[in-house]
Amino acid sequence: MGVATAKKVNPEDYILSVLSPEERLNAAFKVAREAFKGTKLTMKDVDNAVKTVRRKAYGKKK
């Protein structure tokens, strides 16, 4: 019998590997919202940008 060896797993790589592309995009947008919170951009500006990127990435949702 062989000895089982544990492989070190990078948590970020694991999280990204289990998320769908859409879930990754949603996570990125949440980070962006937090990152731009203290800027002169309004939440409406950020939301509009999110909608534009989603439209380009996934097409219009019905």
C-alpha atoms as a PDB file:
ATOM      1  CA  MET A   1       0.000   0.000   0.000  1.00  0.00           C
ATOM      2  CA  GLY A   2       1.254   3.472  -0.878  1.00  0.00           C
ATOM      3  CA  VAL A   3       1.285   6.369   1.494  1.00  0.00           C
ATOM      4  CA  ALA A   4      -1.358   9.003   0.799  1.00  0.00           C
ATOM      5  CA  THR A   5       0.115  12.449   0.385  1.00  0.00           C
ATOM      6  CA  ALA A   6      -1.766  15.663   0.903  1.00  0.00           C
ATOM      7  CA  LYS A   7      -1.435  18.224  -1.842  1.00  0.00           C
ATOM      8  CA  LYS A   8      -1.409  21.869  -0.827  1.00  0.00           C
ATOM      9  CA  VAL A   9      -4.322  23.665  -2.412  1.00  0.00           C
ATOM     10  CA  ASN A  10      -4.416  27.416  -2.879  1.00  0.00           C
ATOM     11  CA  PRO A  11      -7.825  28.531  -1.489  1.00  0.00           C
ATOM     12  CA  GLU A  12      -8.274  31.156  -4.230  1.00  0.00           C
ATOM     13  CA  ASP A  13      -7.616  28.573  -6.954  1.00  0.00           C
ATOM     14  CA  TYR A  14     -10.070  26.157  -5.347  1.00  0.00           C
ATOM     15  CA  ILE A  15     -12.791  28.775  -5.027  1.00  0.00           C
ATOM     16  CA  LEU A  16     -12.342  29.881  -8.631  1.00  0.00           C
ATOM     17  CA  SER A  17     -12.373  26.276  -9.854  1.00  0.00           C
ATOM     18  CA  VAL A  18     -15.764  25.535  -8.297  1.00  0.00           C
ATOM     19  CA  LEU A  19     -17.468  28.734  -9.453  1.00  0.00           C
ATOM     20  CA  SER A  20     -19.132  29.013 -12.824  1.00  0.00           C
ATOM     21  CA  PRO A  21     -17.963  31.841 -15.093  1.00  0.00           C
ATOM     22  CA  GLU A  22     -21.116  33.804 -14.206  1.00  0.00           C
ATOM     23  CA  GLU A  23     -20.511  33.309 -10.472  1.00  0.00           C
ATOM     24  CA  ARG A  24     -16.912  34.509 -10.923  1.00  0.00           C
ATOM     25  CA  LEU A  25     -18.186  37.612 -12.706  1.00  0.00           C
ATOM     26  CA  ASN A  26     -20.718  38.257  -9.925  1.00  0.00           C
ATOM     27  CA  ALA A  27     -17.957  37.951  -7.321  1.00  0.00           C
ATOM     28  CA  ALA A  28     -15.769  40.367  -9.285  1.00  0.00           C
ATOM     29  CA  PHE A  29     -18.604  42.891  -9.432  1.00  0.00           C
ATOM     30  CA  LYS A  30     -19.136  42.664  -5.668  1.00  0.00           C
ATOM     31  CA  VAL A  31     -15.447  43.382  -5.143  1.00  0.00           C
ATOM     32  CA  ALA A  32     -15.631  46.290  -7.608  1.00  0.00           C
ATOM     33  CA  ARG A  33     -18.643  47.786  -5.805  1.00  0.00           C
ATOM     34  CA  GLU A  34     -16.702  47.740  -2.539  1.00  0.00           C
ATOM     35  CA  ALA A  35     -13.540  49.093  -4.175  1.00  0.00           C
ATOM     36  CA  PHE A  36     -15.348  52.065  -5.734  1.00  0.00           C
ATOM     37  CA  LYS A  37     -17.513  52.839  -2.686  1.00  0.00           C
ATOM     38  CA  GLY A  38     -15.438  55.858  -1.597  1.00  0.00           C
ATOM     39  CA  THR A  39     -15.052  57.385  -5.064  1.00  0.00           C
ATOM     40  CA  LYS A  40     -17.094  60.007  -6.871  1.00  0.00           C
ATOM     41  CA  LEU A  41     -18.681  57.270  -8.954  1.00  0.00           C
ATOM     42  CA  THR A  42     -22.280  56.718  -7.979  1.00  0.00           C
ATOM     43  CA  MET A  43     -23.690  53.260  -7.388  1.00  0.00           C
ATOM     44  CA  LYS A  44     -25.803  53.920 -10.478  1.00  0.00           C
ATOM     45  CA  ASP A  45     -22.582  54.414 -12.514  1.00  0.00           C
ATOM     46  CA  VAL A  46     -21.196  51.132 -11.192  1.00  0.00           C
ATOM     47  CA  ASP A  47     -24.492  49.297 -11.744  1.00  0.00           C
ATOM     48  CA  ASN A  48     -24.692  50.617 -15.308  1.00  0.00           C
ATOM     49  CA  ALA A  49     -21.143  49.434 -15.970  1.00  0.00           C
ATOM     50  CA  VAL A  50     -21.997  46.021 -14.506  1.00  0.00           C
ATOM     51  CA  LYS A  51     -25.056  45.740 -16.762  1.00  0.00           C
ATOM     52  CA  THR A  52     -22.979  46.710 -19.804  1.00  0.00           C
ATOM     53  CA  VAL A  53     -20.310  44.112 -19.063  1.00  0.00           C
ATOM     54  CA  ARG A  54     -22.879  41.407 -18.339  1.00  0.00           C
ATOM     55  CA  ARG A  55     -24.702  42.211 -21.581  1.00  0.00           C
ATOM     56  CA  LYS A  56     -21.448  41.852 -23.494  1.00  0.00           C
ATOM     57  CA  ALA A  57     -20.497  38.657 -21.651  1.00  0.00           C
ATOM     58  CA  TYR A  58     -23.840  36.856 -21.679  1.00  0.00           C
ATOM     59  CA  GLY A  59     -26.149  38.692 -24.063  1.00  0.00           C
ATOM     60  CA  LYS A  60     -29.400  40.258 -22.968  1.00  0.00           C
ATOM     61  CA  LYS A  61     -31.232  38.281 -20.326  1.00  0.00           C
ATOM     62  CA  LYS A  62     -34.931  37.875 -20.895  1.00  0.00           C
END
